[in-house]
Structure formats: structure tokens, C-alpha cells
Amino acid sequence: MTGTAHRRPLLFFAGFLIVSLVVAGLVSSLASPDPDGLDTVARQGCTAVATPEGEERLEGTCIATHESDHAMASSPLAGYSVLGGEGTTGVAGVAGVLVTVVVAGGVFLLLRRRDG
């Protein structure tokens, strides 16, 4: 493989990584903080009631009355934010891209075919 042909995959990967980081960092910051369509449909037929502890409880016949927190709800990147901070969606997106690249790159390096 020539020097130019050897650099093409690296240039493609660098461009792909830059575009991924821009999309994750900027576009995800523009996401709506309101509940999505699935949450809205799951809450139809219920009423949110404030508890004395200051939390919200659903009453009624909707399927969301059976919801519970995810097992990883207390993890650092849960809820599309960093440590639950408001306005950190873009940072969480960039961290997600970087973690994915590192894990996928590690798997690729372990599974690559070695000549010779």
C-alpha cells in the first residue's frame, strides 16, 4: 500500500470522528427537554400528584404507573446528561462518542487479521 493510499482510511476516520463529535456536541444540545412521544403516550390517562417528599407520583390507569428507574439511573451519564446537570447534554453526547470510539477501536484491534 502506498503512502497516500495508507492515509486515506485515517483521513476518512478523522473526518468521521470530527463530524460525529460536532453532531453529538452541538445538535444534541438542541434536543427538547420535554418528554418524548413515548413518555407522553405512556402517561395518557394518569394524573401527576406531588408527594409530601416533593416527588411526583402518577395516579390513574396509564401504563406509566408501573414505571421504575433504570438499573443505571444513578450512573454518571444517565438521562442524557453528565451527573444529572442541566445543560450538559452536549458533553454527554461527546463523552458517548469518545467511549464508543475507544471500545470499538479496541475490539477492532483485537479482532484484526494479522498478516505474516
PDB file of N, CA and C in Angstrom:
ATOM      1  N   MET A   1       0.848  -1.172   0.000  1.00  0.00           N
ATOM      2  CA  MET A   1       0.000   0.000   0.000  1.00  0.00           C
ATOM      3  C   MET A   1       0.893   1.234   0.000  1.00  0.00           C
ATOM      4  N   THR A   2       0.596   2.201  -0.864  1.00  0.00           N
ATOM      5  CA  THR A   2       1.407   3.413  -0.939  1.00  0.00           C
ATOM      6  C   THR A   2       1.096   4.330   0.236  1.00  0.00           C
ATOM      7  N   GLY A   3       1.937   5.357   0.396  1.00  0.00           N
ATOM      8  CA  GLY A   3       1.741   6.285   1.497  1.00  0.00           C
ATOM      9  C   GLY A   3       0.413   6.998   1.422  1.00  0.00           C
ATOM     10  N   THR A   4       0.008   7.425   0.224  1.00  0.00           N
ATOM     11  CA  THR A   4      -1.271   8.130   0.063  1.00  0.00           C
ATOM     12  C   THR A   4      -2.442   7.194   0.315  1.00  0.00           C
ATOM     13  N   ALA A   5      -2.359   5.977  -0.231  1.00  0.00           N
ATOM     14  CA  ALA A   5      -3.437   5.005  -0.040  1.00  0.00           C
ATOM     15  C   ALA A   5      -3.534   4.578   1.425  1.00  0.00           C
ATOM     16  N   HIS A   6      -2.404   4.578   2.123  1.00  0.00           N
ATOM     17  CA  HIS A   6      -2.412   4.202   3.535  1.00  0.00           C
ATOM     18  C   HIS A   6      -3.066   5.283   4.389  1.00  0.00           C
ATOM     19  N   ARG A   7      -2.964   6.560   3.975  1.00  0.00           N
ATOM     20  CA  ARG A   7      -3.515   7.665   4.760  1.00  0.00           C
ATOM     21  C   ARG A   7      -5.013   7.859   4.540  1.00  0.00           C
ATOM     22  N   ARG A   8      -5.550   7.377   3.426  1.00  0.00           N
ATOM     23  CA  ARG A   8      -6.979   7.601   3.141  1.00  0.00           C
ATOM     24  C   ARG A   8      -7.902   7.076   4.226  1.00  0.00           C
ATOM     25  N   PRO A   9      -7.716   5.846   4.708  1.00  0.00           N
ATOM     26  CA  PRO A   9      -8.605   5.391   5.789  1.00  0.00           C
ATOM     27  C   PRO A   9      -8.465   6.231   7.046  1.00  0.00           C
ATOM     28  N   LEU A  10      -7.249   6.688   7.335  1.00  0.00           N
ATOM     29  CA  LEU A  10      -7.056   7.529   8.519  1.00  0.00           C
ATOM     30  C   LEU A  10      -7.740   8.881   8.345  1.00  0.00           C
ATOM     31  N   LEU A  11      -7.646   9.471   7.148  1.00  0.00           N
ATOM     32  CA  LEU A  11      -8.319  10.740   6.891  1.00  0.00           C
ATOM     33  C   LEU A  11      -9.833  10.567   6.968  1.00  0.00           C
ATOM     34  N   PHE A  12     -10.336   9.473   6.412  1.00  0.00           N
ATOM     35  CA  PHE A  12     -11.770   9.204   6.486  1.00  0.00           C
ATOM     36  C   PHE A  12     -12.198   9.053   7.947  1.00  0.00           C
ATOM     37  N   PHE A  13     -11.439   8.296   8.727  1.00  0.00           N
ATOM     38  CA  PHE A  13     -11.781   8.089  10.135  1.00  0.00           C
ATOM     39  C   PHE A  13     -11.725   9.409  10.901  1.00  0.00           C
ATOM     40  N   ALA A  14     -10.700  10.238  10.629  1.00  0.00           N
ATOM     41  CA  ALA A  14     -10.591  11.529  11.318  1.00  0.00           C
ATOM     42  C   ALA A  14     -11.787  12.420  10.970  1.00  0.00           C
ATOM     43  N   GLY A  15     -12.181  12.456   9.696  1.00  0.00           N
ATOM     44  CA  GLY A  15     -13.345  13.241   9.294  1.00  0.00           C
ATOM     45  C   GLY A  15     -14.628  12.722   9.929  1.00  0.00           C
ATOM     46  N   PHE A  16     -14.768  11.410   9.933  1.00  0.00           N
ATOM     47  CA  PHE A  16     -15.952  10.791  10.552  1.00  0.00           C
ATOM     48  C   PHE A  16     -16.013  11.121  12.033  1.00  0.00           C
ATOM     49  N   LEU A  17     -14.877  11.066  12.725  1.00  0.00           N
ATOM     50  CA  LEU A  17     -14.837  11.367  14.157  1.00  0.00           C
ATOM     51  C   LEU A  17     -15.187  12.829  14.416  1.00  0.00           C
ATOM     52  N   ILE A  18     -14.663  13.741  13.594  1.00  0.00           N
ATOM     53  CA  ILE A  18     -14.952  15.170  13.783  1.00  0.00           C
ATOM     54  C   ILE A  18     -16.437  15.444  13.575  1.00  0.00           C
ATOM     55  N   VAL A  19     -17.020  14.894  12.522  1.00  0.00           N
ATOM     56  CA  VAL A  19     -18.453  15.085  12.264  1.00  0.00           C
ATOM     57  C   VAL A  19     -19.281  14.492  13.406  1.00  0.00           C
ATOM     58  N   SER A  20     -18.887  13.317  13.886  1.00  0.00           N
ATOM     59  CA  SER A  20     -19.618  12.681  14.993  1.00  0.00           C
ATOM     60  C   SER A  20     -19.562  13.535  16.255  1.00  0.00           C
ATOM     61  N   LEU A  21     -18.390  14.102  16.544  1.00  0.00           N
ATOM     62  CA  LEU A  21     -18.260  14.937  17.741  1.00  0.00           C
ATOM     63  C   LEU A  21     -19.068  16.225  17.615  1.00  0.00           C
ATOM     64  N   VAL A  22     -19.083  16.816  16.426  1.00  0.00           N
ATOM     65  CA  VAL A  22     -19.866  18.044  16.217  1.00  0.00           C
ATOM     66  C   VAL A  22     -21.353  17.754  16.373  1.00  0.00           C
ATOM     67  N   VAL A  23     -21.813  16.676  15.766  1.00  0.00           N
ATOM     68  CA  VAL A  23     -23.238  16.323  15.868  1.00  0.00           C
ATOM     69  C   VAL A  23     -23.589  16.012  17.325  1.00  0.00           C
ATOM     70  N   ALA A  24     -22.757  15.221  17.995  1.00  0.00           N
ATOM     71  CA  ALA A  24     -23.051  14.855  19.386  1.00  0.00           C
ATOM     72  C   ALA A  24     -22.994  16.063  20.308  1.00  0.00           C
ATOM     73  N   GLY A  25     -22.037  16.957  20.082  1.00  0.00           N
ATOM     74  CA  GLY A  25     -21.870  18.091  20.972  1.00  0.00           C
ATOM     75  C   GLY A  25     -22.823  19.232  20.722  1.00  0.00           C
ATOM     76  N   LEU A  26     -23.101  19.529  19.469  1.00  0.00           N
ATOM     77  CA  LEU A  26     -23.936  20.686  19.158  1.00  0.00           C
ATOM     78  C   LEU A  26     -25.399  20.335  18.937  1.00  0.00           C
ATOM     79  N   VAL A  27     -25.642  19.354  18.111  1.00  0.00           N
ATOM     80  CA  VAL A  27     -27.028  19.029  17.765  1.00  0.00           C
ATOM     81  C   VAL A  27     -27.772  18.445  18.963  1.00  0.00           C
ATOM     82  N   SER A  28     -27.112  17.608  19.762  1.00  0.00           N
ATOM     83  CA  SER A  28     -27.805  17.043  20.917  1.00  0.00           C
ATOM     84  C   SER A  28     -28.126  18.110  21.956  1.00  0.00           C
ATOM     85  N   SER A  29     -27.396  19.219  21.961  1.00  0.00           N
ATOM     86  CA  SER A  29     -27.718  20.313  22.879  1.00  0.00           C
ATOM     87  C   SER A  29     -29.040  20.979  22.518  1.00  0.00           C
ATOM     88  N   LEU A  30     -29.459  20.820  21.283  1.00  0.00           N
ATOM     89  CA  LEU A  30     -30.707  21.429  20.821  1.00  0.00           C
ATOM     90  C   LEU A  30     -31.914  20.524  21.059  1.00  0.00           C
ATOM     91  N   ALA A  31     -31.699  19.344  21.614  1.00  0.00           N
ATOM     92  CA  ALA A  31     -32.813  18.415  21.846  1.00  0.00           C
ATOM     93  C   ALA A  31     -33.789  18.996  22.861  1.00  0.00           C
ATOM     94  N   SER A  32     -35.028  18.665  22.700  1.00  0.00           N
ATOM     95  CA  SER A  32     -36.067  19.174  23.585  1.00  0.00           C
ATOM     96  C   SER A  32     -35.976  18.523  24.961  1.00  0.00           C
ATOM     97  N   PRO A  33     -36.089  19.296  26.038  1.00  0.00           N
ATOM     98  CA  PRO A  33     -36.080  18.707  27.375  1.00  0.00           C
ATOM     99  C   PRO A  33     -37.436  18.139  27.775  1.00  0.00           C
ATOM    100  N   ASP A  34     -38.457  18.369  26.966  1.00  0.00           N
ATOM    101  CA  ASP A  34     -39.791  17.867  27.264  1.00  0.00           C
ATOM    102  C   ASP A  34     -39.847  16.364  27.039  1.00  0.00           C
ATOM    103  N   PRO A  35     -40.805  15.686  27.672  1.00  0.00           N
ATOM    104  CA  PRO A  35     -40.929  14.244  27.443  1.00  0.00           C
ATOM    105  C   PRO A  35     -41.173  13.928  25.970  1.00  0.00           C
ATOM    106  N   ASP A  36     -40.624  12.826  25.520  1.00  0.00           N
ATOM    107  CA  ASP A  36     -40.802  12.450  24.123  1.00  0.00           C
ATOM    108  C   ASP A  36     -42.170  11.810  23.912  1.00  0.00           C
ATOM    109  N   GLY A  37     -42.427  11.398  22.683  1.00  0.00           N
ATOM    110  CA  GLY A  37     -43.728  10.844  22.318  1.00  0.00           C
ATOM    111  C   GLY A  37     -44.079   9.604  23.105  1.00  0.00           C
ATOM    112  N   LEU A  38     -43.109   8.742  23.365  1.00  0.00           N
ATOM    113  CA  LEU A  38     -43.376   7.515  24.121  1.00  0.00           C
ATOM    114  C   LEU A  38     -43.803   7.845  25.551  1.00  0.00           C
ATOM    115  N   ASP A  39     -43.090   8.788  26.180  1.00  0.00           N
ATOM    116  CA  ASP A  39     -43.469   9.192  27.543  1.00  0.00           C
ATOM    117  C   ASP A  39     -44.866   9.797  27.564  1.00  0.00           C
ATOM    118  N   THR A  40     -45.172  10.612  26.569  1.00  0.00           N
ATOM    119  CA  THR A  40     -46.483  11.254  26.516  1.00  0.00           C
ATOM    120  C   THR A  40     -47.597  10.222  26.392  1.00  0.00           C
ATOM    121  N   VAL A  41     -47.420   9.258  25.510  1.00  0.00           N
ATOM    122  CA  VAL A  41     -48.435   8.216  25.322  1.00  0.00           C
ATOM    123  C   VAL A  41     -48.545   7.344  26.572  1.00  0.00           C
ATOM    124  N   ALA A  42     -47.407   7.027  27.197  1.00  0.00           N
ATOM    125  CA  ALA A  42     -47.426   6.169  28.389  1.00  0.00           C
ATOM    126  C   ALA A  42     -48.127   6.846  29.562  1.00  0.00           C
ATOM    127  N   ARG A  43     -48.173   8.183  29.581  1.00  0.00           N
ATOM    128  CA  ARG A  43     -48.789   8.914  30.694  1.00  0.00           C
ATOM    129  C   ARG A  43     -50.244   9.306  30.429  1.00  0.00           C
ATOM    130  N   GLN A  44     -50.761   8.977  29.258  1.00  0.00           N
ATOM    131  CA  GLN A  44     -52.150   9.317  28.969  1.00  0.00           C
ATOM    132  C   GLN A  44     -53.078   8.530  29.884  1.00  0.00           C
ATOM    133  N   GLY A  45     -54.017   9.214  30.547  1.00  0.00           N
ATOM    134  CA  GLY A  45     -54.953   8.576  31.448  1.00  0.00           C
ATOM    135  C   GLY A  45     -54.536   8.683  32.901  1.00  0.00           C
ATOM    136  N   CYS A  46     -53.429   9.321  33.186  1.00  0.00           N
ATOM    137  CA  CYS A  46     -52.955   9.468  34.566  1.00  0.00           C
ATOM    138  C   CYS A  46     -52.819  10.935  34.939  1.00  0.00           C
ATOM    139  N   THR A  47     -52.767  11.163  36.223  1.00  0.00           N
ATOM    140  CA  THR A  47     -52.557  12.497  36.759  1.00  0.00           C
ATOM    141  C   THR A  47     -51.322  12.471  37.647  1.00  0.00           C
ATOM    142  N   ALA A  48     -50.471  13.472  37.491  1.00  0.00           N
ATOM    143  CA  ALA A  48     -49.281  13.575  38.336  1.00  0.00           C
ATOM    144  C   ALA A  48     -49.660  14.262  39.634  1.00  0.00           C
ATOM    145  N   VAL A  49     -49.324  13.612  40.750  1.00  0.00           N
ATOM    146  CA  VAL A  49     -49.630  14.137  42.075  1.00  0.00           C
ATOM    147  C   VAL A  49     -48.314  14.318  42.830  1.00  0.00           C
ATOM    148  N   ALA A  50     -48.154  15.484  43.471  1.00  0.00           N
ATOM    149  CA  ALA A  50     -46.944  15.735  44.252  1.00  0.00           C
ATOM    150  C   ALA A  50     -47.054  15.039  45.600  1.00  0.00           C
ATOM    151  N   THR A  51     -46.002  14.346  45.986  1.00  0.00           N
ATOM    152  CA  THR A  51     -45.973  13.676  47.288  1.00  0.00           C
ATOM    153  C   THR A  51     -45.442  14.647  48.345  1.00  0.00           C
ATOM    154  N   PRO A  52     -45.672  14.353  49.634  1.00  0.00           N
ATOM    155  CA  PRO A  52     -45.130  15.222  50.685  1.00  0.00           C
ATOM    156  C   PRO A  52     -43.603  15.323  50.639  1.00  0.00           C
ATOM    157  N   GLU A  53     -42.924  14.321  50.057  1.00  0.00           N
ATOM    158  CA  GLU A  53     -41.464  14.350  49.947  1.00  0.00           C
ATOM    159  C   GLU A  53     -40.990  15.218  48.798  1.00  0.00           C
ATOM    160  N   GLY A  54     -41.924  15.783  48.046  1.00  0.00           N
ATOM    161  CA  GLY A  54     -41.566  16.638  46.924  1.00  0.00           C
ATOM    162  C   GLY A  54     -41.360  15.892  45.618  1.00  0.00           C
ATOM    163  N   GLU A  55     -41.694  14.619  45.575  1.00  0.00           N
ATOM    164  CA  GLU A  55     -41.555  13.840  44.348  1.00  0.00           C
ATOM    165  C   GLU A  55     -42.885  13.775  43.625  1.00  0.00           C
ATOM    166  N   GLU A  56     -42.869  13.255  42.423  1.00  0.00           N
ATOM    167  CA  GLU A  56     -44.079  13.142  41.616  1.00  0.00           C
ATOM    168  C   GLU A  56     -44.529  11.690  41.576  1.00  0.00           C
ATOM    169  N   ARG A  57     -45.831  11.449  41.780  1.00  0.00           N
ATOM    170  CA  ARG A  57     -46.393  10.109  41.708  1.00  0.00           C
ATOM    171  C   ARG A  57     -47.541  10.150  40.718  1.00  0.00           C
ATOM    172  N   LEU A  58     -47.671   9.117  39.901  1.00  0.00           N
ATOM    173  CA  LEU A  58     -48.744   9.059  38.916  1.00  0.00           C
ATOM    174  C   LEU A  58     -49.912   8.271  39.487  1.00  0.00           C
ATOM    175  N   GLU A  59     -51.119   8.807  39.294  1.00  0.00           N
ATOM    176  CA  GLU A  59     -52.338   8.114  39.697  1.00  0.00           C
ATOM    177  C   GLU A  59     -53.247   8.000  38.497  1.00  0.00           C
ATOM    178  N   GLY A  60     -53.865   6.848  38.345  1.00  0.00           N
ATOM    179  CA  GLY A  60     -54.761   6.633  37.216  1.00  0.00           C
ATOM    180  C   GLY A  60     -54.533   5.276  36.599  1.00  0.00           C
ATOM    181  N   THR A  61     -54.890   5.147  35.324  1.00  0.00           N
ATOM    182  CA  THR A  61     -54.826   3.847  34.664  1.00  0.00           C
ATOM    183  C   THR A  61     -53.781   3.766  33.565  1.00  0.00           C
ATOM    184  N   CYS A  62     -52.888   4.701  33.486  1.00  0.00           N
ATOM    185  CA  CYS A  62     -51.896   4.678  32.408  1.00  0.00           C
ATOM    186  C   CYS A  62     -50.815   3.631  32.702  1.00  0.00           C
ATOM    187  N   ILE A  63     -50.109   3.260  31.639  1.00  0.00           N
ATOM    188  CA  ILE A  63     -49.068   2.239  31.804  1.00  0.00           C
ATOM    189  C   ILE A  63     -47.846   2.789  32.534  1.00  0.00           C
ATOM    190  N   ALA A  64     -47.718   4.093  32.617  1.00  0.00           N
ATOM    191  CA  ALA A  64     -46.553   4.687  33.292  1.00  0.00           C
ATOM    192  C   ALA A  64     -46.614   4.523  34.808  1.00  0.00           C
ATOM    193  N   THR A  65     -47.761   4.102  35.353  1.00  0.00           N
ATOM    194  CA  THR A  65     -47.826   3.881  36.807  1.00  0.00           C
ATOM    195  C   THR A  65     -46.934   2.718  37.220  1.00  0.00           C
ATOM    196  N   HIS A  66     -46.573   1.864  36.289  1.00  0.00           N
ATOM    197  CA  HIS A  66     -45.734   0.710  36.575  1.00  0.00           C
ATOM    198  C   HIS A  66     -44.253   0.977  36.287  1.00  0.00           C
ATOM    199  N   GLU A  67     -43.922   2.208  35.905  1.00  0.00           N
ATOM    200  CA  GLU A  67     -42.532   2.502  35.557  1.00  0.00           C
ATOM    201  C   GLU A  67     -41.661   2.550  36.810  1.00  0.00           C
ATOM    202  N   SER A  68     -40.384   2.272  36.594  1.00  0.00           N
ATOM    203  CA  SER A  68     -39.407   2.377  37.684  1.00  0.00           C
ATOM    204  C   SER A  68     -38.106   2.877  37.073  1.00  0.00           C
ATOM    205  N   ASP A  69     -37.210   3.317  37.908  1.00  0.00           N
ATOM    206  CA  ASP A  69     -35.929   3.800  37.418  1.00  0.00           C
ATOM    207  C   ASP A  69     -35.124   2.664  36.818  1.00  0.00           C
ATOM    208  N   HIS A  70     -34.356   2.991  35.812  1.00  0.00           N
ATOM    209  CA  HIS A  70     -33.462   2.035  35.174  1.00  0.00           C
ATOM    210  C   HIS A  70     -32.365   1.641  36.161  1.00  0.00           C
ATOM    211  N   ALA A  71     -31.824   0.457  36.018  1.00  0.00           N
ATOM    212  CA  ALA A  71     -30.780  -0.018  36.923  1.00  0.00           C
ATOM    213  C   ALA A  71     -29.553   0.901  36.919  1.00  0.00           C
ATOM    214  N   MET A  72     -29.329   1.619  35.820  1.00  0.00           N
ATOM    215  CA  MET A  72     -28.168   2.506  35.733  1.00  0.00           C
ATOM    216  C   MET A  72     -28.584   3.973  35.842  1.00  0.00           C
ATOM    217  N   ALA A  73     -29.727   4.237  36.475  1.00  0.00           N
ATOM    218  CA  ALA A  73     -30.233   5.610  36.582  1.00  0.00           C
ATOM    219  C   ALA A  73     -29.310   6.516  37.386  1.00  0.00           C
ATOM    220  N   SER A  74     -28.470   5.947  38.228  1.00  0.00           N
ATOM    221  CA  SER A  74     -27.560   6.777  39.021  1.00  0.00           C
ATOM    222  C   SER A  74     -26.155   6.830  38.432  1.00  0.00           C
ATOM    223  N   SER A  75     -25.986   6.335  37.200  1.00  0.00           N
ATOM    224  CA  SER A  75     -24.663   6.357  36.577  1.00  0.00           C
ATOM    225  C   SER A  75     -24.318   7.782  36.122  1.00  0.00           C
ATOM    226  N   PRO A  76     -23.056   8.070  35.870  1.00  0.00           N
ATOM    227  CA  PRO A  76     -22.636   9.440  35.546  1.00  0.00           C
ATOM    228  C   PRO A  76     -23.260  10.021  34.274  1.00  0.00           C
ATOM    229  N   LEU A  77     -23.631   9.191  33.294  1.00  0.00           N
ATOM    230  CA  LEU A  77     -24.184   9.699  32.044  1.00  0.00           C
ATOM    231  C   LEU A  77     -25.666   9.354  31.885  1.00  0.00           C
ATOM    232  N   ALA A  78     -26.367   9.093  32.962  1.00  0.00           N
ATOM    233  CA  ALA A  78     -27.789   8.754  32.871  1.00  0.00           C
ATOM    234  C   ALA A  78     -28.609   9.986  32.501  1.00  0.00           C
ATOM    235  N   GLY A  79     -29.696   9.776  31.811  1.00  0.00           N
ATOM    236  CA  GLY A  79     -30.613  10.862  31.472  1.00  0.00           C
ATOM    237  C   GLY A  79     -30.052  11.833  30.450  1.00  0.00           C
ATOM    238  N   TYR A  80     -29.136  11.396  29.603  1.00  0.00           N
ATOM    239  CA  TYR A  80     -28.542  12.244  28.559  1.00  0.00           C
ATOM    240  C   TYR A  80     -27.875  13.478  29.150  1.00  0.00           C
ATOM    241  N   SER A  81     -27.295  13.357  30.341  1.00  0.00           N
ATOM    242  CA  SER A  81     -26.596  14.479  30.955  1.00  0.00           C
ATOM    243  C   SER A  81     -25.396  13.943  31.738  1.00  0.00           C
ATOM    244  N   VAL A  82     -24.554  14.858  32.192  1.00  0.00           N
ATOM    245  CA  VAL A  82     -23.392  14.476  32.994  1.00  0.00           C
ATOM    246  C   VAL A  82     -23.736  14.751  34.445  1.00  0.00           C
ATOM    247  N   LEU A  83     -23.793  13.684  35.242  1.00  0.00           N
ATOM    248  CA  LEU A  83     -24.116  13.756  36.674  1.00  0.00           C
ATOM    249  C   LEU A  83     -25.420  14.493  36.933  1.00  0.00           C
ATOM    250  N   GLY A  84     -26.371  14.376  36.006  1.00  0.00           N
ATOM    251  CA  GLY A  84     -27.686  14.984  36.179  1.00  0.00           C
ATOM    252  C   GLY A  84     -27.714  16.486  35.986  1.00  0.00           C
ATOM    253  N   GLY A  85     -26.632  17.083  35.534  1.00  0.00           N
ATOM    254  CA  GLY A  85     -26.561  18.532  35.385  1.00  0.00           C
ATOM    255  C   GLY A  85     -27.380  19.042  34.205  1.00  0.00           C
ATOM    256  N   GLU A  86     -28.060  20.152  34.422  1.00  0.00           N
ATOM    257  CA  GLU A  86     -28.836  20.780  33.349  1.00  0.00           C
ATOM    258  C   GLU A  86     -27.867  21.353  32.323  1.00  0.00           C
ATOM    259  N   GLY A  87     -28.189  21.217  31.055  1.00  0.00           N
ATOM    260  CA  GLY A  87     -27.378  21.804  30.003  1.00  0.00           C
ATOM    261  C   GLY A  87     -26.110  21.043  29.689  1.00  0.00           C
ATOM    262  N   THR A  88     -26.002  19.792  30.120  1.00  0.00           N
ATOM    263  CA  THR A  88     -24.797  19.010  29.834  1.00  0.00           C
ATOM    264  C   THR A  88     -25.053  17.917  28.809  1.00  0.00           C
ATOM    265  N   THR A  89     -26.135  18.058  28.054  1.00  0.00           N
ATOM    266  CA  THR A  89     -26.462  17.039  27.059  1.00  0.00           C
ATOM    267  C   THR A  89     -25.370  16.925  25.999  1.00  0.00           C
ATOM    268  N   GLY A  90     -24.833  18.052  25.564  1.00  0.00           N
ATOM    269  CA  GLY A  90     -23.769  18.032  24.561  1.00  0.00           C
ATOM    270  C   GLY A  90     -22.508  17.364  25.081  1.00  0.00           C
ATOM    271  N   VAL A  91     -22.163  17.622  26.317  1.00  0.00           N
ATOM    272  CA  VAL A  91     -20.982  16.998  26.917  1.00  0.00           C
ATOM    273  C   VAL A  91     -21.183  15.490  27.014  1.00  0.00           C
ATOM    274  N   ALA A  92     -22.391  15.072  27.407  1.00  0.00           N
ATOM    275  CA  ALA A  92     -22.691  13.643  27.479  1.00  0.00           C
ATOM    276  C   ALA A  92     -22.622  13.010  26.089  1.00  0.00           C
ATOM    277  N   GLY A  93     -23.075  13.726  25.069  1.00  0.00           N
ATOM    278  CA  GLY A  93     -23.004  13.212  23.695  1.00  0.00           C
ATOM    279  C   GLY A  93     -21.567  13.020  23.247  1.00  0.00           C
ATOM    280  N   VAL A  94     -20.713  14.008  23.520  1.00  0.00           N
ATOM    281  CA  VAL A  94     -19.294  13.903  23.151  1.00  0.00           C
ATOM    282  C   VAL A  94     -18.635  12.760  23.916  1.00  0.00           C
ATOM    283  N   ALA A  95     -18.934  12.630  25.210  1.00  0.00           N
ATOM    284  CA  ALA A  95     -18.372  11.528  26.001  1.00  0.00           C
ATOM    285  C   ALA A  95     -18.840  10.186  25.446  1.00  0.00           C
ATOM    286  N   GLY A  96     -20.096  10.100  25.036  1.00  0.00           N
ATOM    287  CA  GLY A  96     -20.610   8.856  24.455  1.00  0.00           C
ATOM    288  C   GLY A  96     -19.901   8.485  23.169  1.00  0.00           C
ATOM    289  N   VAL A  97     -19.647   9.486  22.317  1.00  0.00           N
ATOM    290  CA  VAL A  97     -18.927   9.216  21.067  1.00  0.00           C
ATOM    291  C   VAL A  97     -17.514   8.739  21.368  1.00  0.00           C
ATOM    292  N   LEU A  98     -16.826   9.411  22.283  1.00  0.00           N
ATOM    293  CA  LEU A  98     -15.445   9.030  22.589  1.00  0.00           C
ATOM    294  C   LEU A  98     -15.365   7.634  23.213  1.00  0.00           C
ATOM    295  N   VAL A  99     -16.283   7.310  24.110  1.00  0.00           N
ATOM    296  CA  VAL A  99     -16.286   5.969  24.708  1.00  0.00           C
ATOM    297  C   VAL A  99     -16.558   4.911  23.642  1.00  0.00           C
ATOM    298  N   THR A 100     -17.501   5.209  22.754  1.00  0.00           N
ATOM    299  CA  THR A 100     -17.815   4.263  21.679  1.00  0.00           C
ATOM    300  C   THR A 100     -16.614   4.047  20.761  1.00  0.00           C
ATOM    301  N   VAL A 101     -15.918   5.126  20.418  1.00  0.00           N
ATOM    302  CA  VAL A 101     -14.743   5.003  19.543  1.00  0.00           C
ATOM    303  C   VAL A 101     -13.650   4.194  20.231  1.00  0.00           C
ATOM    304  N   VAL A 102     -13.421   4.431  21.501  1.00  0.00           N
ATOM    305  CA  VAL A 102     -12.369   3.698  22.218  1.00  0.00           C
ATOM    306  C   VAL A 102     -12.716   2.213  22.320  1.00  0.00           C
ATOM    307  N   VAL A 103     -13.956   1.904  22.687  1.00  0.00           N
ATOM    308  CA  VAL A 103     -14.355   0.495  22.822  1.00  0.00           C
ATOM    309  C   VAL A 103     -14.358  -0.199  21.451  1.00  0.00           C
ATOM    310  N   ALA A 104     -14.943   0.448  20.446  1.00  0.00           N
ATOM    311  CA  ALA A 104     -14.976  -0.157  19.108  1.00  0.00           C
ATOM    312  C   ALA A 104     -13.571  -0.282  18.541  1.00  0.00           C
ATOM    313  N   GLY A 105     -12.724   0.709  18.763  1.00  0.00           N
ATOM    314  CA  GLY A 105     -11.337   0.630  18.290  1.00  0.00           C
ATOM    315  C   GLY A 105     -10.577  -0.489  18.973  1.00  0.00           C
ATOM    316  N   GLY A 106     -10.811  -0.681  20.273  1.00  0.00           N
ATOM    317  CA  GLY A 106     -10.158  -1.777  20.989  1.00  0.00           C
ATOM    318  C   GLY A 106     -10.592  -3.137  20.467  1.00  0.00           C
ATOM    319  N   VAL A 107     -11.883  -3.277  20.224  1.00  0.00           N
ATOM    320  CA  VAL A 107     -12.392  -4.542  19.672  1.00  0.00           C
ATOM    321  C   VAL A 107     -11.822  -4.765  18.276  1.00  0.00           C
ATOM    322  N   PHE A 108     -11.777  -3.710  17.472  1.00  0.00           N
ATOM    323  CA  PHE A 108     -11.210  -3.827  16.129  1.00  0.00           C
ATOM    324  C   PHE A 108      -9.750  -4.262  16.189  1.00  0.00           C
ATOM    325  N   LEU A 109      -8.967  -3.664  17.065  1.00  0.00           N
ATOM    326  CA  LEU A 109      -7.555  -4.030  17.163  1.00  0.00           C
ATOM    327  C   LEU A 109      -7.378  -5.475  17.629  1.00  0.00           C
ATOM    328  N   LEU A 110      -8.266  -5.943  18.512  1.00  0.00           N
ATOM    329  CA  LEU A 110      -8.174  -7.329  18.970  1.00  0.00           C
ATOM    330  C   LEU A 110      -8.548  -8.328  17.880  1.00  0.00           C
ATOM    331  N   LEU A 111      -9.499  -7.949  17.017  1.00  0.00           N
ATOM    332  CA  LEU A 111     -10.014  -8.890  16.020  1.00  0.00           C
ATOM    333  C   LEU A 111      -9.394  -8.737  14.643  1.00  0.00           C
ATOM    334  N   ARG A 112      -8.521  -7.787  14.434  1.00  0.00           N
ATOM    335  CA  ARG A 112      -7.973  -7.558  13.092  1.00  0.00           C
ATOM    336  C   ARG A 112      -7.129  -8.753  12.655  1.00  0.00           C
ATOM    337  N   ARG A 113      -7.115  -8.931  11.358  1.00  0.00           N
ATOM    338  CA  ARG A 113      -6.342 -10.018  10.780  1.00  0.00           C
ATOM    339  C   ARG A 113      -4.892  -9.575  10.666  1.00  0.00           C
ATOM    340  N   ARG A 114      -4.027 -10.403  11.123  1.00  0.00           N
ATOM    341  CA  ARG A 114      -2.604 -10.072  11.057  1.00  0.00           C
ATOM    342  C   ARG A 114      -1.952 -10.914   9.981  1.00  0.00           C
ATOM    343  N   ASP A 115      -1.263 -10.258   9.105  1.00  0.00           N
ATOM    344  CA  ASP A 115      -0.540 -10.959   8.038  1.00  0.00           C
ATOM    345  C   ASP A 115       0.855 -11.333   8.534  1.00  0.00           C
ATOM    346  N   GLY A 116       1.315 -12.485   8.105  1.00  0.00           N
ATOM    347  CA  GLY A 116       2.688 -12.876   8.383  1.00  0.00           C
ATOM    348  C   GLY A 116       2.787 -13.625   9.596  1.00  0.00           C
TER     349      GLY A 116
END
